[in-house]
Amino acid sequence: MQMPYYFTLEEVHSQLFDIEELIRERFAVEVEMFVHSDPCTFAACSLCLMADCPVRQHPFEHEVKWTVQNAVKNERHRLA
């Protein structure tokens, strides 16, 4: 999962915790998850939903449509 490269480690952990909580609430189960985060790259700007990003290099184009198949892949997401 990409996070803004300028986030502190504490901010990244807070975001990941919030995501884990959303998943637990949505599926009403207790699970243990390991989510890996990477710093964002400017190539990902066109997929980024952070409206007030101070370092955006490209305009937002579209949101990634998440599915079980693409959520569990160990690769960076592309526009295609």
Protein backbone atom coordinates (compact mmCIF):
# COMPACT_ATOMS: atom_id res chain seq x y z
CA MET A 1 0.00 0.00 0.00
CA GLN A 2 1.47 3.34 -0.98
CA MET A 3 1.50 6.17 1.51
CA PRO A 4 2.77 9.72 0.96
CA TYR A 5 6.55 9.62 1.11
CA TYR A 6 6.59 12.60 3.48
CA PHE A 7 4.43 10.85 6.14
CA THR A 8 6.23 10.00 9.34
CA LEU A 9 6.38 6.38 10.41
CA GLU A 10 3.79 7.23 13.06
CA GLU A 11 1.40 8.61 10.42
CA VAL A 12 1.84 5.50 8.25
CA HIS A 13 1.11 3.22 11.20
CA SER A 14 -1.96 5.27 12.09
CA GLN A 15 -3.29 5.00 8.53
CA LEU A 16 -2.66 1.26 8.42
CA PHE A 17 -4.39 0.80 11.77
CA ASP A 18 -7.44 2.69 10.46
CA ILE A 19 -7.54 0.47 7.36
CA GLU A 20 -7.31 -2.67 9.48
CA GLU A 21 -10.16 -1.40 11.66
CA LEU A 22 -12.33 -0.72 8.60
CA ILE A 23 -11.75 -4.28 7.37
CA ARG A 24 -12.56 -5.75 10.78
CA GLU A 25 -15.77 -3.70 11.01
CA ARG A 26 -16.83 -4.47 7.45
CA PHE A 27 -16.43 -8.21 7.80
CA ALA A 28 -17.24 -8.50 11.52
CA VAL A 29 -14.34 -10.86 12.18
CA GLU A 30 -11.16 -10.68 14.18
CA VAL A 31 -8.19 -11.08 11.88
CA GLU A 32 -4.50 -10.46 12.02
CA MET A 33 -3.14 -8.63 9.01
CA PHE A 34 0.26 -7.68 7.80
CA VAL A 35 0.11 -4.72 5.45
CA HIS A 36 3.28 -3.56 3.75
CA SER A 37 3.54 0.11 2.91
CA ASP A 38 5.77 1.80 0.37
CA PRO A 39 6.43 5.50 -0.13
CA CYS A 40 4.50 6.96 -3.02
CA THR A 41 6.11 7.86 -6.31
CA PHE A 42 5.14 10.66 -8.65
CA ALA A 43 4.01 8.02 -11.15
CA ALA A 44 1.17 7.19 -8.73
CA CYS A 45 -0.15 10.78 -8.54
CA SER A 46 -2.79 10.07 -11.17
CA LEU A 47 -4.25 7.32 -8.92
CA CYS A 48 -3.97 9.22 -5.64
CA LEU A 49 -7.12 10.44 -3.89
CA MET A 50 -5.29 12.84 -1.55
CA ALA A 51 -6.87 16.09 -2.64
CA ASP A 52 -4.53 18.52 -0.88
CA CYS A 53 -1.25 16.76 -1.59
CA PRO A 54 1.53 19.36 -1.42
CA VAL A 55 3.80 17.45 -3.84
CA ARG A 56 1.33 16.26 -6.53
CA GLN A 57 3.00 16.13 -9.95
CA HIS A 58 0.10 14.81 -12.08
CA PRO A 59 -3.65 15.43 -11.93
CA PHE A 60 -5.89 12.71 -10.56
CA GLU A 61 -7.24 10.48 -13.37
CA HIS A 62 -9.13 7.65 -11.73
CA GLU A 63 -9.46 5.50 -8.66
CA VAL A 64 -8.23 1.91 -8.60
CA LYS A 65 -11.22 -0.43 -8.53
CA TRP A 66 -10.25 -2.87 -5.78
CA THR A 67 -11.09 -6.53 -6.06
CA VAL A 68 -9.84 -9.58 -4.18
CA GLN A 69 -7.70 -10.42 -7.21
CA ASN A 70 -5.82 -7.13 -7.45
CA ALA A 71 -5.73 -6.40 -3.72
CA VAL A 72 -3.60 -9.43 -2.93
CA LYS A 73 -1.09 -9.06 -5.76
CA ASN A 74 2.42 -8.15 -4.74
CA GLU A 75 2.96 -5.48 -7.40
CA ARG A 76 2.47 -1.78 -7.90
CA HIS A 77 -0.80 -0.67 -9.46
CA ARG A 78 -1.01 0.85 -12.91
CA LEU A 79 -3.48 3.01 -14.75
CA ALA A 80 -4.38 0.25 -17.18
